[in-house]
Amino acid sequence: MKVSKSAKFRPAKAHAKLSTGEVIRMLRELKEWTQLELAGRSGMSVSNLSLLEHDKVEIGKRRAEQLAKAFDVHPAIIMFPEYEAKEIGKNGMSDPRNGYGIRRALLTCV
């Protein structure tokens, strides 16, 4: 199939929305960590991590920072999974050139 170089394309829209709990679980599974291992790395209890992964409690800034440090990602990745790099950068949370966003975090966390 031949595509004209002058053709303009729009970025694809996300088809699935992730919750904060789903992001935490995905990051943990990509690292191949158990909840017990993540608890040790983040300083949180296993029961608290379970509640977060099942979206039973709000994450809050402190918990997001603890988990972000354990996963080596920006806290905004965990707190605001629906945002991508350009939106995070607009809010002064990061430099969008660093590629922060859930897709990048999931690709680079392993």
N, C-alpha and C. Protein backbone atom coordinates (compact mmCIF):
# COMPACT_ATOMS: atom_id res chain seq x y z
N MET A 1 0.85 -1.18 0.00
CA MET A 1 0.00 0.00 0.00
C MET A 1 0.88 1.23 0.00
N LYS A 2 0.63 2.12 -0.91
CA LYS A 2 1.42 3.34 -1.04
C LYS A 2 0.72 4.49 -0.30
N VAL A 3 1.50 5.21 0.50
CA VAL A 3 0.95 6.32 1.27
C VAL A 3 1.67 7.59 0.86
N SER A 4 0.89 8.60 0.56
CA SER A 4 1.46 9.89 0.16
C SER A 4 2.14 10.55 1.34
N LYS A 5 3.32 11.14 1.10
CA LYS A 5 4.05 11.84 2.17
C LYS A 5 3.30 13.07 2.64
N SER A 6 2.45 13.61 1.79
CA SER A 6 1.73 14.82 2.17
C SER A 6 0.47 14.52 2.97
N ALA A 7 0.13 13.25 3.10
CA ALA A 7 -1.06 12.89 3.87
C ALA A 7 -0.85 13.26 5.34
N LYS A 8 -1.88 13.81 5.94
CA LYS A 8 -1.80 14.21 7.35
C LYS A 8 -2.57 13.19 8.17
N PHE A 9 -1.93 12.75 9.23
CA PHE A 9 -2.53 11.75 10.08
C PHE A 9 -2.77 12.34 11.46
N ARG A 10 -3.81 11.86 12.10
CA ARG A 10 -4.10 12.25 13.48
C ARG A 10 -3.67 11.10 14.38
N PRO A 11 -3.18 11.43 15.58
CA PRO A 11 -2.81 10.36 16.50
C PRO A 11 -4.04 9.53 16.87
N ALA A 12 -3.82 8.27 17.11
CA ALA A 12 -4.92 7.38 17.52
C ALA A 12 -5.38 7.76 18.92
N LYS A 13 -6.65 7.59 19.16
CA LYS A 13 -7.21 7.84 20.48
C LYS A 13 -7.11 6.57 21.31
N ALA A 14 -6.96 6.76 22.59
CA ALA A 14 -6.88 5.61 23.48
C ALA A 14 -8.20 4.86 23.46
N HIS A 15 -8.13 3.55 23.46
CA HIS A 15 -9.34 2.74 23.43
C HIS A 15 -9.73 2.23 24.82
N ALA A 16 -8.81 2.30 25.72
CA ALA A 16 -9.09 1.80 27.07
C ALA A 16 -8.61 2.82 28.09
N LYS A 17 -9.39 3.00 29.11
CA LYS A 17 -9.02 3.88 30.21
C LYS A 17 -8.50 3.02 31.35
N LEU A 18 -7.40 3.43 31.92
CA LEU A 18 -6.82 2.69 33.04
C LEU A 18 -7.10 3.43 34.33
N SER A 19 -7.37 2.67 35.37
CA SER A 19 -7.51 3.26 36.69
C SER A 19 -6.13 3.29 37.34
N THR A 20 -6.03 4.03 38.41
CA THR A 20 -4.77 4.09 39.15
C THR A 20 -4.37 2.70 39.63
N GLY A 21 -5.32 1.94 40.12
CA GLY A 21 -5.05 0.58 40.59
C GLY A 21 -4.53 -0.32 39.49
N GLU A 22 -5.11 -0.20 38.31
CA GLU A 22 -4.65 -1.00 37.17
C GLU A 22 -3.21 -0.65 36.79
N VAL A 23 -2.88 0.63 36.86
CA VAL A 23 -1.52 1.06 36.54
C VAL A 23 -0.54 0.48 37.56
N ILE A 24 -0.88 0.55 38.83
CA ILE A 24 -0.01 0.00 39.87
C ILE A 24 0.21 -1.49 39.64
N ARG A 25 -0.87 -2.21 39.39
CA ARG A 25 -0.76 -3.65 39.16
C ARG A 25 0.05 -3.96 37.91
N MET A 26 -0.17 -3.20 36.83
CA MET A 26 0.59 -3.42 35.59
C MET A 26 2.08 -3.16 35.79
N LEU A 27 2.41 -2.06 36.45
CA LEU A 27 3.82 -1.76 36.70
C LEU A 27 4.46 -2.85 37.56
N ARG A 28 3.74 -3.28 38.57
CA ARG A 28 4.26 -4.33 39.46
C ARG A 28 4.47 -5.64 38.69
N GLU A 29 3.51 -6.00 37.88
CA GLU A 29 3.63 -7.26 37.13
C GLU A 29 4.73 -7.18 36.08
N LEU A 30 4.91 -6.02 35.47
CA LEU A 30 5.99 -5.87 34.50
C LEU A 30 7.37 -6.02 35.16
N LYS A 31 7.46 -5.61 36.40
CA LYS A 31 8.71 -5.78 37.15
C LYS A 31 8.84 -7.21 37.69
N GLU A 32 7.76 -7.98 37.55
CA GLU A 32 7.69 -9.35 38.07
C GLU A 32 7.87 -9.38 39.58
N TRP A 33 7.24 -8.42 40.24
CA TRP A 33 7.28 -8.33 41.69
C TRP A 33 5.96 -8.84 42.26
N THR A 34 6.02 -9.41 43.42
CA THR A 34 4.81 -9.72 44.18
C THR A 34 4.40 -8.46 44.94
N GLN A 35 3.21 -8.50 45.51
CA GLN A 35 2.82 -7.37 46.35
C GLN A 35 3.75 -7.26 47.56
N LEU A 36 4.23 -8.38 48.04
CA LEU A 36 5.16 -8.37 49.17
C LEU A 36 6.47 -7.68 48.80
N GLU A 37 6.98 -7.95 47.59
CA GLU A 37 8.21 -7.30 47.15
C GLU A 37 8.00 -5.79 46.98
N LEU A 38 6.87 -5.41 46.38
CA LEU A 38 6.58 -3.98 46.21
C LEU A 38 6.42 -3.31 47.57
N ALA A 39 5.81 -4.00 48.50
CA ALA A 39 5.65 -3.44 49.85
C ALA A 39 7.01 -3.13 50.45
N GLY A 40 7.95 -4.05 50.31
CA GLY A 40 9.29 -3.83 50.84
C GLY A 40 10.01 -2.67 50.16
N ARG A 41 9.81 -2.52 48.87
CA ARG A 41 10.49 -1.46 48.12
C ARG A 41 9.84 -0.09 48.33
N SER A 42 8.54 -0.08 48.64
CA SER A 42 7.83 1.20 48.76
C SER A 42 7.59 1.63 50.19
N GLY A 43 7.74 0.70 51.14
CA GLY A 43 7.47 1.04 52.54
C GLY A 43 5.99 1.03 52.86
N MET A 44 5.19 0.41 52.02
CA MET A 44 3.75 0.32 52.24
C MET A 44 3.40 -1.11 52.65
N SER A 45 2.25 -1.28 53.27
CA SER A 45 1.83 -2.62 53.66
C SER A 45 1.21 -3.35 52.46
N VAL A 46 1.25 -4.67 52.51
CA VAL A 46 0.65 -5.48 51.45
C VAL A 46 -0.85 -5.23 51.37
N SER A 47 -1.50 -5.11 52.52
CA SER A 47 -2.95 -4.87 52.51
C SER A 47 -3.28 -3.53 51.87
N ASN A 48 -2.45 -2.52 52.13
CA ASN A 48 -2.67 -1.22 51.53
C ASN A 48 -2.48 -1.29 50.01
N LEU A 49 -1.45 -2.01 49.56
CA LEU A 49 -1.22 -2.17 48.12
C LEU A 49 -2.39 -2.89 47.46
N SER A 50 -2.91 -3.90 48.12
CA SER A 50 -4.07 -4.62 47.58
C SER A 50 -5.27 -3.69 47.42
N LEU A 51 -5.52 -2.89 48.45
CA LEU A 51 -6.62 -1.92 48.38
C LEU A 51 -6.42 -0.93 47.23
N LEU A 52 -5.18 -0.47 47.05
CA LEU A 52 -4.89 0.47 45.96
C LEU A 52 -5.08 -0.19 44.60
N GLU A 53 -4.58 -1.41 44.45
CA GLU A 53 -4.70 -2.11 43.18
C GLU A 53 -6.15 -2.40 42.80
N HIS A 54 -7.00 -2.54 43.81
CA HIS A 54 -8.42 -2.80 43.55
C HIS A 54 -9.27 -1.53 43.62
N ASP A 55 -8.59 -0.38 43.63
CA ASP A 55 -9.26 0.93 43.64
C ASP A 55 -10.26 1.08 44.79
N LYS A 56 -9.90 0.53 45.94
CA LYS A 56 -10.76 0.62 47.12
C LYS A 56 -10.44 1.85 47.97
N VAL A 57 -9.24 2.42 47.78
CA VAL A 57 -8.85 3.64 48.50
C VAL A 57 -8.22 4.61 47.50
N GLU A 58 -8.28 5.88 47.84
CA GLU A 58 -7.64 6.91 47.01
C GLU A 58 -6.14 6.85 47.24
N ILE A 59 -5.38 7.14 46.20
CA ILE A 59 -3.94 6.99 46.32
C ILE A 59 -3.28 8.11 47.12
N GLY A 60 -3.60 9.34 46.86
CA GLY A 60 -2.97 10.45 47.57
C GLY A 60 -1.54 10.69 47.12
N LYS A 61 -1.07 11.89 47.38
CA LYS A 61 0.26 12.31 46.91
C LYS A 61 1.38 11.48 47.54
N ARG A 62 1.33 11.27 48.84
CA ARG A 62 2.41 10.56 49.53
C ARG A 62 2.56 9.12 49.03
N ARG A 63 1.44 8.42 48.90
CA ARG A 63 1.50 7.04 48.41
C ARG A 63 2.00 7.00 46.96
N ALA A 64 1.54 7.95 46.14
CA ALA A 64 1.99 7.99 44.74
C ALA A 64 3.49 8.21 44.67
N GLU A 65 4.01 9.07 45.53
CA GLU A 65 5.46 9.32 45.54
C GLU A 65 6.23 8.08 45.99
N GLN A 66 5.71 7.37 46.99
CA GLN A 66 6.37 6.15 47.46
C GLN A 66 6.43 5.11 46.34
N LEU A 67 5.31 4.92 45.67
CA LEU A 67 5.26 3.92 44.59
C LEU A 67 6.10 4.36 43.39
N ALA A 68 6.05 5.64 43.07
CA ALA A 68 6.83 6.15 41.93
C ALA A 68 8.32 5.93 42.17
N LYS A 69 8.76 6.15 43.39
CA LYS A 69 10.17 5.92 43.71
C LYS A 69 10.52 4.44 43.56
N ALA A 70 9.65 3.56 44.03
CA ALA A 70 9.89 2.12 43.91
C ALA A 70 9.94 1.69 42.45
N PHE A 71 9.04 2.24 41.62
CA PHE A 71 8.98 1.87 40.20
C PHE A 71 9.94 2.67 39.33
N ASP A 72 10.51 3.73 39.89
CA ASP A 72 11.39 4.63 39.15
C ASP A 72 10.65 5.30 37.98
N VAL A 73 9.47 5.84 38.30
CA VAL A 73 8.69 6.61 37.34
C VAL A 73 8.26 7.92 38.01
N HIS A 74 7.75 8.83 37.23
CA HIS A 74 7.23 10.09 37.77
C HIS A 74 5.92 9.81 38.50
N PRO A 75 5.66 10.45 39.65
CA PRO A 75 4.41 10.21 40.39
C PRO A 75 3.15 10.47 39.57
N ALA A 76 3.22 11.37 38.62
CA ALA A 76 2.04 11.67 37.80
C ALA A 76 1.59 10.46 36.98
N ILE A 77 2.52 9.57 36.65
CA ILE A 77 2.18 8.37 35.91
C ILE A 77 1.18 7.53 36.70
N ILE A 78 1.36 7.50 38.00
CA ILE A 78 0.50 6.70 38.86
C ILE A 78 -0.77 7.45 39.23
N MET A 79 -0.64 8.73 39.54
CA MET A 79 -1.80 9.51 39.97
C MET A 79 -2.76 9.86 38.83
N PHE A 80 -2.22 10.09 37.64
CA PHE A 80 -3.03 10.54 36.51
C PHE A 80 -2.77 9.68 35.29
N PRO A 81 -3.19 8.41 35.32
CA PRO A 81 -2.87 7.51 34.20
C PRO A 81 -3.51 7.91 32.88
N GLU A 82 -4.53 8.76 32.93
CA GLU A 82 -5.21 9.14 31.69
C GLU A 82 -4.47 10.22 30.91
N TYR A 83 -3.50 10.85 31.54
CA TYR A 83 -2.75 11.91 30.88
C TYR A 83 -1.50 11.38 30.22
N GLU A 84 -1.11 12.02 29.16
CA GLU A 84 0.13 11.68 28.48
C GLU A 84 1.14 12.81 28.68
N ALA A 85 2.27 12.68 28.09
CA ALA A 85 3.40 13.58 28.31
C ALA A 85 3.05 15.05 28.13
N LYS A 86 2.39 15.40 27.05
CA LYS A 86 2.16 16.83 26.81
C LYS A 86 1.26 17.45 27.86
N GLU A 87 0.25 16.72 28.35
CA GLU A 87 -0.62 17.26 29.39
C GLU A 87 0.12 17.38 30.72
N ILE A 88 0.94 16.37 31.04
CA ILE A 88 1.70 16.42 32.29
C ILE A 88 2.65 17.60 32.26
N GLY A 89 3.31 17.82 31.13
CA GLY A 89 4.23 18.93 30.98
C GLY A 89 3.55 20.28 31.10
N LYS A 90 2.34 20.41 30.59
CA LYS A 90 1.61 21.67 30.66
C LYS A 90 1.32 22.06 32.10
N ASN A 91 1.14 21.07 32.95
CA ASN A 91 0.83 21.32 34.35
C ASN A 91 2.08 21.48 35.20
N GLY A 92 3.25 21.50 34.55
CA GLY A 92 4.48 21.71 35.27
C GLY A 92 4.96 20.50 36.05
N MET A 93 4.38 19.34 35.78
CA MET A 93 4.78 18.15 36.52
C MET A 93 6.03 17.52 35.97
N SER A 94 6.30 17.74 34.70
CA SER A 94 7.50 17.16 34.11
C SER A 94 7.79 17.85 32.80
N ASP A 95 8.92 17.57 32.26
CA ASP A 95 9.28 18.05 30.94
C ASP A 95 8.79 17.01 29.95
N PRO A 96 7.86 17.36 29.03
CA PRO A 96 7.30 16.38 28.12
C PRO A 96 8.35 15.74 27.22
N ARG A 97 9.50 16.37 27.04
CA ARG A 97 10.55 15.76 26.22
C ARG A 97 11.13 14.53 26.89
N ASN A 98 10.91 14.40 28.19
CA ASN A 98 11.38 13.22 28.90
C ASN A 98 10.51 12.00 28.60
N GLY A 99 9.38 12.21 27.96
CA GLY A 99 8.54 11.10 27.56
C GLY A 99 7.71 10.51 28.68
N TYR A 100 7.38 11.30 29.70
CA TYR A 100 6.54 10.76 30.75
C TYR A 100 5.15 10.54 30.21
N GLY A 101 4.56 9.51 30.60
CA GLY A 101 3.23 9.10 30.18
C GLY A 101 3.13 7.61 30.48
N ILE A 102 1.94 7.14 30.63
CA ILE A 102 1.76 5.75 31.03
C ILE A 102 2.35 4.80 30.00
N ARG A 103 2.20 5.08 28.73
CA ARG A 103 2.75 4.17 27.72
C ARG A 103 4.26 4.07 27.84
N ARG A 104 4.92 5.20 27.98
CA ARG A 104 6.38 5.20 28.12
C ARG A 104 6.81 4.51 29.40
N ALA A 105 6.09 4.78 30.48
CA ALA A 105 6.43 4.16 31.76
C ALA A 105 6.33 2.64 31.67
N LEU A 106 5.29 2.15 31.03
CA LEU A 106 5.12 0.71 30.91
C LEU A 106 6.19 0.10 30.03
N LEU A 107 6.64 0.84 29.03
CA LEU A 107 7.66 0.31 28.14
C LEU A 107 9.04 0.31 28.77
N THR A 108 9.29 1.27 29.65
CA THR A 108 10.65 1.42 30.17
C THR A 108 10.83 0.88 31.60
N CYS A 109 9.79 0.41 32.23
CA CYS A 109 9.93 0.01 33.63
C CYS A 109 10.55 -1.36 33.80
N VAL A 110 10.62 -2.15 32.76
CA VAL A 110 11.22 -3.50 32.91
C VAL A 110 12.70 -3.49 32.66
